[in-house]
Amino acid sequence: MRRAAADGIASVANRLRFLVGRDEAGRWLALEDHGLAGGIFASKEAALHYASAETGRRPGGVRLARRAISFRI
């Protein structure tokens, strides 16, 4: 049973992709591409840490924004 749950979590992490960047007010954001997850962070490092953990530290799972991004609820 635990193995199935772990496999399910890994499967979700393999599909998630995050964009990390600043909004127009200068706050650091980490946003999942489909709006499934995200947050506002005190630093770039904190945003990257969150996004990396959510994607299982998968290469290509986290990108840095070139322009301002926005967080929509």
PDB file of N, CA and C in Angstrom:
ATOM      1  N   MET A   1       0.821  -1.196   0.000  1.00  0.00           N
ATOM      2  CA  MET A   1       0.000   0.000   0.000  1.00  0.00           C
ATOM      3  C   MET A   1       0.862   1.256   0.000  1.00  0.00           C
ATOM      4  N   ARG A   2       1.904   1.294   0.835  1.00  0.00           N
ATOM      5  CA  ARG A   2       2.779   2.460   0.879  1.00  0.00           C
ATOM      6  C   ARG A   2       3.501   2.655  -0.443  1.00  0.00           C
ATOM      7  N   ARG A   3       3.879   1.574  -1.063  1.00  0.00           N
ATOM      8  CA  ARG A   3       4.578   1.648  -2.349  1.00  0.00           C
ATOM      9  C   ARG A   3       3.696   2.308  -3.406  1.00  0.00           C
ATOM     10  N   ALA A   4       2.425   1.949  -3.435  1.00  0.00           N
ATOM     11  CA  ALA A   4       1.498   2.531  -4.411  1.00  0.00           C
ATOM     12  C   ALA A   4       1.344   4.030  -4.178  1.00  0.00           C
ATOM     13  N   ALA A   5       1.262   4.445  -2.921  1.00  0.00           N
ATOM     14  CA  ALA A   5       1.147   5.877  -2.613  1.00  0.00           C
ATOM     15  C   ALA A   5       2.405   6.617  -3.032  1.00  0.00           C
ATOM     16  N   ALA A   6       3.567   6.043  -2.759  1.00  0.00           N
ATOM     17  CA  ALA A   6       4.833   6.667  -3.149  1.00  0.00           C
ATOM     18  C   ALA A   6       4.943   6.766  -4.662  1.00  0.00           C
ATOM     19  N   ASP A   7       4.513   5.736  -5.365  1.00  0.00           N
ATOM     20  CA  ASP A   7       4.538   5.769  -6.833  1.00  0.00           C
ATOM     21  C   ASP A   7       3.603   6.847  -7.369  1.00  0.00           C
ATOM     22  N   GLY A   8       2.453   7.012  -6.732  1.00  0.00           N
ATOM     23  CA  GLY A   8       1.504   8.041  -7.152  1.00  0.00           C
ATOM     24  C   GLY A   8       2.057   9.440  -6.962  1.00  0.00           C
ATOM     25  N   ILE A   9       2.725   9.666  -5.837  1.00  0.00           N
ATOM     26  CA  ILE A   9       3.342  10.969  -5.569  1.00  0.00           C
ATOM     27  C   ILE A   9       4.454  11.232  -6.568  1.00  0.00           C
ATOM     28  N   ALA A  10       5.277  10.241  -6.838  1.00  0.00           N
ATOM     29  CA  ALA A  10       6.360  10.395  -7.810  1.00  0.00           C
ATOM     30  C   ALA A  10       5.802  10.683  -9.196  1.00  0.00           C
ATOM     31  N   SER A  11       4.692  10.051  -9.543  1.00  0.00           N
ATOM     32  CA  SER A  11       4.078  10.271 -10.845  1.00  0.00           C
ATOM     33  C   SER A  11       3.605  11.715 -10.993  1.00  0.00           C
ATOM     34  N   VAL A  12       2.997  12.267  -9.958  1.00  0.00           N
ATOM     35  CA  VAL A  12       2.551  13.662  -9.992  1.00  0.00           C
ATOM     36  C   VAL A  12       3.750  14.588 -10.099  1.00  0.00           C
ATOM     37  N   ALA A  13       4.795  14.341  -9.315  1.00  0.00           N
ATOM     38  CA  ALA A  13       5.996  15.184  -9.356  1.00  0.00           C
ATOM     39  C   ALA A  13       6.631  15.168 -10.739  1.00  0.00           C
ATOM     40  N   ASN A  14       6.545  14.039 -11.435  1.00  0.00           N
ATOM     41  CA  ASN A  14       7.133  13.939 -12.771  1.00  0.00           C
ATOM     42  C   ASN A  14       6.391  14.779 -13.798  1.00  0.00           C
ATOM     43  N   ARG A  15       5.153  15.139 -13.522  1.00  0.00           N
ATOM     44  CA  ARG A  15       4.367  15.938 -14.470  1.00  0.00           C
ATOM     45  C   ARG A  15       4.392  17.426 -14.162  1.00  0.00           C
ATOM     46  N   LEU A  16       4.704  17.809 -12.933  1.00  0.00           N
ATOM     47  CA  LEU A  16       4.678  19.215 -12.558  1.00  0.00           C
ATOM     48  C   LEU A  16       5.859  19.974 -13.146  1.00  0.00           C
ATOM     49  N   ARG A  17       5.594  21.215 -13.575  1.00  0.00           N
ATOM     50  CA  ARG A  17       6.639  22.137 -14.030  1.00  0.00           C
ATOM     51  C   ARG A  17       6.358  23.491 -13.403  1.00  0.00           C
ATOM     52  N   PHE A  18       7.409  24.139 -12.932  1.00  0.00           N
ATOM     53  CA  PHE A  18       7.260  25.425 -12.266  1.00  0.00           C
ATOM     54  C   PHE A  18       8.034  26.514 -12.981  1.00  0.00           C
ATOM     55  N   LEU A  19       7.495  27.724 -12.868  1.00  0.00           N
ATOM     56  CA  LEU A  19       8.151  28.927 -13.337  1.00  0.00           C
ATOM     57  C   LEU A  19       8.442  29.765 -12.101  1.00  0.00           C
ATOM     58  N   VAL A  20       9.701  30.165 -11.933  1.00  0.00           N
ATOM     59  CA  VAL A  20      10.111  30.982 -10.792  1.00  0.00           C
ATOM     60  C   VAL A  20      10.543  32.346 -11.311  1.00  0.00           C
ATOM     61  N   GLY A  21      10.042  33.388 -10.669  1.00  0.00           N
ATOM     62  CA  GLY A  21      10.416  34.743 -11.057  1.00  0.00           C
ATOM     63  C   GLY A  21       9.797  35.763 -10.124  1.00  0.00           C
ATOM     64  N   ARG A  22      10.025  37.028 -10.445  1.00  0.00           N
ATOM     65  CA  ARG A  22       9.472  38.121  -9.642  1.00  0.00           C
ATOM     66  C   ARG A  22       8.191  38.650 -10.276  1.00  0.00           C
ATOM     67  N   ASP A  23       7.296  39.119  -9.407  1.00  0.00           N
ATOM     68  CA  ASP A  23       6.114  39.803  -9.929  1.00  0.00           C
ATOM     69  C   ASP A  23       6.446  41.286 -10.080  1.00  0.00           C
ATOM     70  N   GLU A  24       5.478  42.075 -10.500  1.00  0.00           N
ATOM     71  CA  GLU A  24       5.735  43.497 -10.739  1.00  0.00           C
ATOM     72  C   GLU A  24       6.043  44.265  -9.464  1.00  0.00           C
ATOM     73  N   ALA A  25       5.687  43.718  -8.302  1.00  0.00           N
ATOM     74  CA  ALA A  25       5.993  44.348  -7.018  1.00  0.00           C
ATOM     75  C   ALA A  25       7.341  43.895  -6.468  1.00  0.00           C
ATOM     76  N   GLY A  26       8.026  42.996  -7.181  1.00  0.00           N
ATOM     77  CA  GLY A  26       9.340  42.527  -6.754  1.00  0.00           C
ATOM     78  C   GLY A  26       9.333  41.300  -5.868  1.00  0.00           C
ATOM     79  N   ARG A  27       8.156  40.708  -5.631  1.00  0.00           N
ATOM     80  CA  ARG A  27       8.079  39.495  -4.802  1.00  0.00           C
ATOM     81  C   ARG A  27       8.476  38.279  -5.629  1.00  0.00           C
ATOM     82  N   TRP A  28       9.102  37.305  -4.976  1.00  0.00           N
ATOM     83  CA  TRP A  28       9.483  36.060  -5.652  1.00  0.00           C
ATOM     84  C   TRP A  28       8.309  35.097  -5.649  1.00  0.00           C
ATOM     85  N   LEU A  29       8.011  34.538  -6.825  1.00  0.00           N
ATOM     86  CA  LEU A  29       6.915  33.594  -7.000  1.00  0.00           C
ATOM     87  C   LEU A  29       7.429  32.290  -7.579  1.00  0.00           C
ATOM     88  N   ALA A  30       6.753  31.212  -7.232  1.00  0.00           N
ATOM     89  CA  ALA A  30       6.946  29.911  -7.882  1.00  0.00           C
ATOM     90  C   ALA A  30       5.553  29.468  -8.295  1.00  0.00           C
ATOM     91  N   LEU A  31       5.342  29.299  -9.597  1.00  0.00           N
ATOM     92  CA  LEU A  31       4.019  28.986 -10.122  1.00  0.00           C
ATOM     93  C   LEU A  31       4.055  27.724 -10.968  1.00  0.00           C
ATOM     94  N   GLU A  32       3.178  26.783 -10.671  1.00  0.00           N
ATOM     95  CA  GLU A  32       3.052  25.578 -11.476  1.00  0.00           C
ATOM     96  C   GLU A  32       2.365  25.962 -12.781  1.00  0.00           C
ATOM     97  N   ASP A  33       2.802  25.388 -13.883  1.00  0.00           N
ATOM     98  CA  ASP A  33       2.337  25.778 -15.216  1.00  0.00           C
ATOM     99  C   ASP A  33       0.823  25.731 -15.403  1.00  0.00           C
ATOM    100  N   HIS A  34       0.134  24.834 -14.721  1.00  0.00           N
ATOM    101  CA  HIS A  34      -1.313  24.684 -14.897  1.00  0.00           C
ATOM    102  C   HIS A  34      -2.116  25.264 -13.736  1.00  0.00           C
ATOM    103  N   GLY A  35      -1.458  26.002 -12.866  1.00  0.00           N
ATOM    104  CA  GLY A  35      -2.154  26.616 -11.739  1.00  0.00           C
ATOM    105  C   GLY A  35      -2.480  25.668 -10.605  1.00  0.00           C
ATOM    106  N   LEU A  36      -1.825  24.514 -10.569  1.00  0.00           N
ATOM    107  CA  LEU A  36      -2.113  23.510  -9.544  1.00  0.00           C
ATOM    108  C   LEU A  36      -1.441  23.805  -8.212  1.00  0.00           C
ATOM    109  N   ALA A  37      -0.381  24.608  -8.219  1.00  0.00           N
ATOM    110  CA  ALA A  37       0.372  24.895  -6.999  1.00  0.00           C
ATOM    111  C   ALA A  37       1.175  26.167  -7.211  1.00  0.00           C
ATOM    112  N   GLY A  38       1.653  26.714  -6.123  1.00  0.00           N
ATOM    113  CA  GLY A  38       2.489  27.897  -6.223  1.00  0.00           C
ATOM    114  C   GLY A  38       2.516  28.653  -4.918  1.00  0.00           C
ATOM    115  N   GLY A  39       3.308  29.717  -4.893  1.00  0.00           N
ATOM    116  CA  GLY A  39       3.390  30.512  -3.684  1.00  0.00           C
ATOM    117  C   GLY A  39       4.229  31.751  -3.873  1.00  0.00           C
ATOM    118  N   ILE A  40       4.214  32.585  -2.827  1.00  0.00           N
ATOM    119  CA  ILE A  40       5.002  33.808  -2.760  1.00  0.00           C
ATOM    120  C   ILE A  40       6.101  33.555  -1.739  1.00  0.00           C
ATOM    121  N   PHE A  41       7.338  33.931  -2.069  1.00  0.00           N
ATOM    122  CA  PHE A  41       8.489  33.581  -1.242  1.00  0.00           C
ATOM    123  C   PHE A  41       9.343  34.796  -0.905  1.00  0.00           C
ATOM    124  N   ALA A  42      10.083  34.686   0.184  1.00  0.00           N
ATOM    125  CA  ALA A  42      10.932  35.778   0.658  1.00  0.00           C
ATOM    126  C   ALA A  42      12.177  35.967  -0.197  1.00  0.00           C
ATOM    127  N   SER A  43      12.581  34.923  -0.912  1.00  0.00           N
ATOM    128  CA  SER A  43      13.810  35.016  -1.703  1.00  0.00           C
ATOM    129  C   SER A  43      13.738  34.096  -2.920  1.00  0.00           C
ATOM    130  N   LYS A  44      14.622  34.348  -3.843  1.00  0.00           N
ATOM    131  CA  LYS A  44      14.745  33.490  -5.029  1.00  0.00           C
ATOM    132  C   LYS A  44      15.094  32.071  -4.603  1.00  0.00           C
ATOM    133  N   GLU A  45      16.010  31.960  -3.644  1.00  0.00           N
ATOM    134  CA  GLU A  45      16.439  30.640  -3.175  1.00  0.00           C
ATOM    135  C   GLU A  45      15.273  29.853  -2.593  1.00  0.00           C
ATOM    136  N   ALA A  46      14.419  30.527  -1.816  1.00  0.00           N
ATOM    137  CA  ALA A  46      13.263  29.849  -1.217  1.00  0.00           C
ATOM    138  C   ALA A  46      12.280  29.389  -2.293  1.00  0.00           C
ATOM    139  N   ALA A  47      12.049  30.221  -3.299  1.00  0.00           N
ATOM    140  CA  ALA A  47      11.145  29.850  -4.394  1.00  0.00           C
ATOM    141  C   ALA A  47      11.702  28.669  -5.170  1.00  0.00           C
ATOM    142  N   LEU A  48      12.997  28.692  -5.455  1.00  0.00           N
ATOM    143  CA  LEU A  48      13.632  27.581  -6.173  1.00  0.00           C
ATOM    144  C   LEU A  48      13.610  26.300  -5.347  1.00  0.00           C
ATOM    145  N   HIS A  49      13.844  26.414  -4.052  1.00  0.00           N
ATOM    146  CA  HIS A  49      13.824  25.241  -3.170  1.00  0.00           C
ATOM    147  C   HIS A  49      12.440  24.581  -3.200  1.00  0.00           C
ATOM    148  N   TYR A  50      11.391  25.390  -3.060  1.00  0.00           N
ATOM    149  CA  TYR A  50      10.019  24.873  -3.097  1.00  0.00           C
ATOM    150  C   TYR A  50       9.725  24.189  -4.433  1.00  0.00           C
ATOM    151  N   ALA A  51       9.993  24.898  -5.523  1.00  0.00           N
ATOM    152  CA  ALA A  51       9.681  24.359  -6.848  1.00  0.00           C
ATOM    153  C   ALA A  51      10.474  23.082  -7.124  1.00  0.00           C
ATOM    154  N   SER A  52      11.728  23.061  -6.724  1.00  0.00           N
ATOM    155  CA  SER A  52      12.557  21.866  -6.922  1.00  0.00           C
ATOM    156  C   SER A  52      12.013  20.680  -6.137  1.00  0.00           C
ATOM    157  N   ALA A  53      11.619  20.927  -4.899  1.00  0.00           N
ATOM    158  CA  ALA A  53      11.067  19.850  -4.071  1.00  0.00           C
ATOM    159  C   ALA A  53       9.755  19.331  -4.658  1.00  0.00           C
ATOM    160  N   GLU A  54       8.909  20.228  -5.151  1.00  0.00           N
ATOM    161  CA  GLU A  54       7.622  19.828  -5.718  1.00  0.00           C
ATOM    162  C   GLU A  54       7.772  19.002  -6.992  1.00  0.00           C
ATOM    163  N   THR A  55       8.840  19.206  -7.726  1.00  0.00           N
ATOM    164  CA  THR A  55       9.062  18.465  -8.973  1.00  0.00           C
ATOM    165  C   THR A  55       9.968  17.260  -8.772  1.00  0.00           C
ATOM    166  N   GLY A  56      10.293  16.947  -7.531  1.00  0.00           N
ATOM    167  CA  GLY A  56      11.179  15.825  -7.267  1.00  0.00           C
ATOM    168  C   GLY A  56      12.597  16.080  -7.763  1.00  0.00           C
ATOM    169  N   ARG A  57      12.969  17.356  -7.839  1.00  0.00           N
ATOM    170  CA  ARG A  57      14.297  17.779  -8.312  1.00  0.00           C
ATOM    171  C   ARG A  57      14.620  17.244  -9.708  1.00  0.00           C
ATOM    172  N   ARG A  58      13.570  17.101 -10.501  1.00  0.00           N
ATOM    173  CA  ARG A  58      13.710  16.592 -11.861  1.00  0.00           C
ATOM    174  C   ARG A  58      14.332  17.652 -12.768  1.00  0.00           C
ATOM    175  N   PRO A  59      15.341  17.281 -13.555  1.00  0.00           N
ATOM    176  CA  PRO A  59      15.922  18.236 -14.507  1.00  0.00           C
ATOM    177  C   PRO A  59      14.845  18.775 -15.452  1.00  0.00           C
ATOM    178  N   GLY A  60      14.827  20.070 -15.645  1.00  0.00           N
ATOM    179  CA  GLY A  60      13.839  20.688 -16.519  1.00  0.00           C
ATOM    180  C   GLY A  60      12.507  20.976 -15.855  1.00  0.00           C
ATOM    181  N   GLY A  61      12.359  20.615 -14.595  1.00  0.00           N
ATOM    182  CA  GLY A  61      11.095  20.826 -13.898  1.00  0.00           C
ATOM    183  C   GLY A  61      10.878  22.251 -13.421  1.00  0.00           C
ATOM    184  N   VAL A  62      11.961  23.030 -13.357  1.00  0.00           N
ATOM    185  CA  VAL A  62      11.877  24.412 -12.880  1.00  0.00           C
ATOM    186  C   VAL A  62      12.572  25.320 -13.881  1.00  0.00           C
ATOM    187  N   ARG A  63      11.870  26.391 -14.264  1.00  0.00           N
ATOM    188  CA  ARG A  63      12.446  27.380 -15.183  1.00  0.00           C
ATOM    189  C   ARG A  63      12.435  28.744 -14.514  1.00  0.00           C
ATOM    190  N   LEU A  64      13.363  29.607 -14.908  1.00  0.00           N
ATOM    191  CA  LEU A  64      13.389  30.987 -14.427  1.00  0.00           C
ATOM    192  C   LEU A  64      12.724  31.891 -15.458  1.00  0.00           C
ATOM    193  N   ALA A  65      11.869  32.778 -14.974  1.00  0.00           N
ATOM    194  CA  ALA A  65      11.160  33.710 -15.859  1.00  0.00           C
ATOM    195  C   ALA A  65      12.101  34.810 -16.328  1.00  0.00           C
ATOM    196  N   ARG A  66      11.933  35.227 -17.558  1.00  0.00           N
ATOM    197  CA  ARG A  66      12.710  36.339 -18.110  1.00  0.00           C
ATOM    198  C   ARG A  66      12.012  37.672 -17.887  1.00  0.00           C
ATOM    199  N   ARG A  67      10.703  37.611 -17.669  1.00  0.00           N
ATOM    200  CA  ARG A  67       9.884  38.814 -17.455  1.00  0.00           C
ATOM    201  C   ARG A  67       9.098  38.655 -16.159  1.00  0.00           C
ATOM    202  N   ALA A  68       8.442  39.719 -15.751  1.00  0.00           N
ATOM    203  CA  ALA A  68       7.599  39.670 -14.552  1.00  0.00           C
ATOM    204  C   ALA A  68       6.474  38.651 -14.758  1.00  0.00           C
ATOM    205  N   ILE A  69       6.163  37.922 -13.696  1.00  0.00           N
ATOM    206  CA  ILE A  69       5.074  36.949 -13.732  1.00  0.00           C
ATOM    207  C   ILE A  69       4.025  37.370 -12.708  1.00  0.00           C
ATOM    208  N   SER A  70       2.833  36.794 -12.796  1.00  0.00           N
ATOM    209  CA  SER A  70       1.786  37.169 -11.845  1.00  0.00           C
ATOM    210  C   SER A  70       1.132  35.927 -11.260  1.00  0.00           C
ATOM    211  N   PHE A  71       0.706  36.071 -10.019  1.00  0.00           N
ATOM    212  CA  PHE A  71       0.062  35.001  -9.265  1.00  0.00           C
ATOM    213  C   PHE A  71      -1.433  35.270  -9.264  1.00  0.00           C
ATOM    214  N   ARG A  72      -2.201  34.366  -9.825  1.00  0.00           N
ATOM    215  CA  ARG A  72      -3.657  34.527  -9.881  1.00  0.00           C
ATOM    216  C   ARG A  72      -4.324  33.454  -9.035  1.00  0.00           C
ATOM    217  N   ILE A  73      -5.310  33.878  -8.282  1.00  0.00           N
ATOM    218  CA  ILE A  73      -6.056  32.931  -7.442  1.00  0.00           C
ATOM    219  C   ILE A  73      -7.369  32.610  -8.120  1.00  0.00           C
TER     220      ILE A  73
END
